[in-house]
Amino acid sequence: MKSKFKVKLNLIKYDVQNVIKTIVKSIANTSHFEAYFCER
C-alpha cells in the first residue's frame, strides 16, 4: 500500500516536471519567435 502511494507520487512529480518543461519550451520558442520578428 505504502509503496504504491510512493510510486503514484513519483508519477505525479514526473508529470509536473514534464508539464513545466513543455511550458518553458513553448515560452522560449515564443520569445525567440518574437525576437526574430522584431529584427526583420
PDB file of N, CA and C in Angstrom:
ATOM      1  N   MET A   1       0.840  -1.205   0.000  1.00  0.00           N
ATOM      2  CA  MET A   1       0.000   0.000   0.000  1.00  0.00           C
ATOM      3  C   MET A   1       0.877   1.258   0.000  1.00  0.00           C
ATOM      4  N   LYS A   2       1.824   1.299   0.930  1.00  0.00           N
ATOM      5  CA  LYS A   2       2.673   2.484   1.032  1.00  0.00           C
ATOM      6  C   LYS A   2       3.539   2.658  -0.212  1.00  0.00           C
ATOM      7  N   SER A   3       4.095   1.558  -0.718  1.00  0.00           N
ATOM      8  CA  SER A   3       4.960   1.649  -1.898  1.00  0.00           C
ATOM      9  C   SER A   3       4.157   2.102  -3.124  1.00  0.00           C
ATOM     10  N   LYS A   4       2.920   1.624  -3.216  1.00  0.00           N
ATOM     11  CA  LYS A   4       2.058   2.045  -4.327  1.00  0.00           C
ATOM     12  C   LYS A   4       1.847   3.555  -4.293  1.00  0.00           C
ATOM     13  N   PHE A   5       1.608   4.068  -3.085  1.00  0.00           N
ATOM     14  CA  PHE A   5       1.392   5.503  -2.919  1.00  0.00           C
ATOM     15  C   PHE A   5       2.629   6.281  -3.338  1.00  0.00           C
ATOM     16  N   LYS A   6       3.802   5.741  -2.959  1.00  0.00           N
ATOM     17  CA  LYS A   6       5.059   6.377  -3.317  1.00  0.00           C
ATOM     18  C   LYS A   6       5.224   6.453  -4.833  1.00  0.00           C
ATOM     19  N   VAL A   7       4.910   5.343  -5.488  1.00  0.00           N
ATOM     20  CA  VAL A   7       5.021   5.292  -6.949  1.00  0.00           C
ATOM     21  C   VAL A   7       4.102   6.337  -7.577  1.00  0.00           C
ATOM     22  N   LYS A   8       2.890   6.429  -7.045  1.00  0.00           N
ATOM     23  CA  LYS A   8       1.928   7.395  -7.569  1.00  0.00           C
ATOM     24  C   LYS A   8       2.469   8.815  -7.420  1.00  0.00           C
ATOM     25  N   LEU A   9       3.041   9.108  -6.254  1.00  0.00           N
ATOM     26  CA  LEU A   9       3.613  10.429  -6.016  1.00  0.00           C
ATOM     27  C   LEU A   9       4.724  10.720  -7.013  1.00  0.00           C
ATOM     28  N   ASN A  10       5.581   9.730  -7.252  1.00  0.00           N
ATOM     29  CA  ASN A  10       6.677   9.905  -8.204  1.00  0.00           C
ATOM     30  C   ASN A  10       6.133  10.170  -9.603  1.00  0.00           C
ATOM     31  N   LEU A  11       5.080   9.465  -9.963  1.00  0.00           N
ATOM     32  CA  LEU A  11       4.484   9.673 -11.283  1.00  0.00           C
ATOM     33  C   LEU A  11       3.937  11.089 -11.403  1.00  0.00           C
ATOM     34  N   ILE A  12       3.272  11.564 -10.358  1.00  0.00           N
ATOM     35  CA  ILE A  12       2.728  12.923 -10.375  1.00  0.00           C
ATOM     36  C   ILE A  12       3.865  13.934 -10.514  1.00  0.00           C
ATOM     37  N   LYS A  13       4.938  13.714  -9.741  1.00  0.00           N
ATOM     38  CA  LYS A  13       6.100  14.601  -9.805  1.00  0.00           C
ATOM     39  C   LYS A  13       6.651  14.642 -11.226  1.00  0.00           C
ATOM     40  N   TYR A  14       6.755  13.462 -11.827  1.00  0.00           N
ATOM     41  CA  TYR A  14       7.293  13.345 -13.187  1.00  0.00           C
ATOM     42  C   TYR A  14       6.403  14.110 -14.169  1.00  0.00           C
ATOM     43  N   ASP A  15       5.084  13.948 -14.017  1.00  0.00           N
ATOM     44  CA  ASP A  15       4.134  14.646 -14.883  1.00  0.00           C
ATOM     45  C   ASP A  15       4.297  16.149 -14.756  1.00  0.00           C
ATOM     46  N   VAL A  16       4.406  16.627 -13.522  1.00  0.00           N
ATOM     47  CA  VAL A  16       4.544  18.065 -13.289  1.00  0.00           C
ATOM     48  C   VAL A  16       5.817  18.578 -13.943  1.00  0.00           C
ATOM     49  N   GLN A  17       6.907  17.824 -13.799  1.00  0.00           N
ATOM     50  CA  GLN A  17       8.172  18.233 -14.418  1.00  0.00           C
ATOM     51  C   GLN A  17       8.024  18.318 -15.928  1.00  0.00           C
ATOM     52  N   ASN A  18       7.342  17.341 -16.516  1.00  0.00           N
ATOM     53  CA  ASN A  18       7.134  17.335 -17.966  1.00  0.00           C
ATOM     54  C   ASN A  18       6.327  18.553 -18.403  1.00  0.00           C
ATOM     55  N   VAL A  19       5.279  18.855 -17.654  1.00  0.00           N
ATOM     56  CA  VAL A  19       4.425  19.999 -17.988  1.00  0.00           C
ATOM     57  C   VAL A  19       5.234  21.298 -17.913  1.00  0.00           C
ATOM     58  N   ILE A  20       6.029  21.436 -16.840  1.00  0.00           N
ATOM     59  CA  ILE A  20       6.842  22.638 -16.680  1.00  0.00           C
ATOM     60  C   ILE A  20       7.836  22.763 -17.830  1.00  0.00           C
ATOM     61  N   LYS A  21       8.469  21.645 -18.179  1.00  0.00           N
ATOM     62  CA  LYS A  21       9.432  21.656 -19.289  1.00  0.00           C
ATOM     63  C   LYS A  21       8.758  22.103 -20.576  1.00  0.00           C
ATOM     64  N   THR A  22       7.563  21.565 -20.824  1.00  0.00           N
ATOM     65  CA  THR A  22       6.830  21.909 -22.041  1.00  0.00           C
ATOM     66  C   THR A  22       6.483  23.390 -22.071  1.00  0.00           C
ATOM     67  N   ILE A  23       6.032  23.912 -20.923  1.00  0.00           N
ATOM     68  CA  ILE A  23       5.666  25.331 -20.845  1.00  0.00           C
ATOM     69  C   ILE A  23       6.891  26.199 -21.081  1.00  0.00           C
ATOM     70  N   VAL A  24       7.994  25.843 -20.418  1.00  0.00           N
ATOM     71  CA  VAL A  24       9.230  26.626 -20.578  1.00  0.00           C
ATOM     72  C   VAL A  24       9.668  26.607 -22.039  1.00  0.00           C
ATOM     73  N   LYS A  25       9.581  25.441 -22.657  1.00  0.00           N
ATOM     74  CA  LYS A  25       9.977  25.309 -24.063  1.00  0.00           C
ATOM     75  C   LYS A  25       9.125  26.197 -24.943  1.00  0.00           C
ATOM     76  N   SER A  26       7.805  26.173 -24.735  1.00  0.00           N
ATOM     77  CA  SER A  26       6.911  26.968 -25.571  1.00  0.00           C
ATOM     78  C   SER A  26       7.149  28.458 -25.350  1.00  0.00           C
ATOM     79  N   ILE A  27       7.427  28.852 -24.102  1.00  0.00           N
ATOM     80  CA  ILE A  27       7.719  30.263 -23.820  1.00  0.00           C
ATOM     81  C   ILE A  27       9.006  30.670 -24.514  1.00  0.00           C
ATOM     82  N   ALA A  28      10.019  29.805 -24.431  1.00  0.00           N
ATOM     83  CA  ALA A  28      11.307  30.098 -25.073  1.00  0.00           C
ATOM     84  C   ALA A  28      11.111  30.222 -26.582  1.00  0.00           C
ATOM     85  N   ASN A  29      10.324  29.313 -27.163  1.00  0.00           N
ATOM     86  CA  ASN A  29      10.059  29.360 -28.595  1.00  0.00           C
ATOM     87  C   ASN A  29       9.336  30.641 -28.969  1.00  0.00           C
ATOM     88  N   THR A  30       8.377  31.052 -28.145  1.00  0.00           N
ATOM     89  CA  THR A  30       7.605  32.254 -28.436  1.00  0.00           C
ATOM     90  C   THR A  30       8.496  33.489 -28.394  1.00  0.00           C
ATOM     91  N   SER A  31       9.327  33.605 -27.355  1.00  0.00           N
ATOM     92  CA  SER A  31      10.185  34.782 -27.234  1.00  0.00           C
ATOM     93  C   SER A  31      11.192  34.800 -28.378  1.00  0.00           C
ATOM     94  N   HIS A  32      11.688  33.639 -28.773  1.00  0.00           N
ATOM     95  CA  HIS A  32      12.627  33.542 -29.896  1.00  0.00           C
ATOM     96  C   HIS A  32      11.924  34.009 -31.166  1.00  0.00           C
ATOM     97  N   PHE A  33      10.678  33.580 -31.324  1.00  0.00           N
ATOM     98  CA  PHE A  33       9.855  33.935 -32.468  1.00  0.00           C
ATOM     99  C   PHE A  33       9.667  35.456 -32.518  1.00  0.00           C
ATOM    100  N   GLU A  34       9.340  36.053 -31.358  1.00  0.00           N
ATOM    101  CA  GLU A  34       9.118  37.498 -31.291  1.00  0.00           C
ATOM    102  C   GLU A  34      10.395  38.258 -31.614  1.00  0.00           C
ATOM    103  N   ALA A  35      11.521  37.798 -31.080  1.00  0.00           N
ATOM    104  CA  ALA A  35      12.798  38.461 -31.341  1.00  0.00           C
ATOM    105  C   ALA A  35      13.098  38.410 -32.839  1.00  0.00           C
ATOM    106  N   TYR A  36      12.815  37.288 -33.444  1.00  0.00           N
ATOM    107  CA  TYR A  36      13.046  37.100 -34.876  1.00  0.00           C
ATOM    108  C   TYR A  36      12.212  38.104 -35.677  1.00  0.00           C
ATOM    109  N   PHE A  37      10.981  38.301 -35.252  1.00  0.00           N
ATOM    110  CA  PHE A  37      10.092  39.217 -35.961  1.00  0.00           C
ATOM    111  C   PHE A  37      10.513  40.669 -35.763  1.00  0.00           C
ATOM    112  N   CYS A  38      10.991  41.002 -34.567  1.00  0.00           N
ATOM    113  CA  CYS A  38      11.395  42.384 -34.289  1.00  0.00           C
ATOM    114  C   CYS A  38      12.633  42.750 -35.099  1.00  0.00           C
ATOM    115  N   GLU A  39      13.473  41.785 -35.359  1.00  0.00           N
ATOM    116  CA  GLU A  39      14.701  42.062 -36.111  1.00  0.00           C
ATOM    117  C   GLU A  39      14.399  42.352 -37.571  1.00  0.00           C
ATOM    118  N   ARG A  40      13.348  41.766 -38.086  1.00  0.00           N
ATOM    119  CA  ARG A  40      13.058  41.898 -39.520  1.00  0.00           C
ATOM    120  C   ARG A  40      12.582  43.290 -39.893  1.00  0.00           C
TER     121      ARG A  40
END
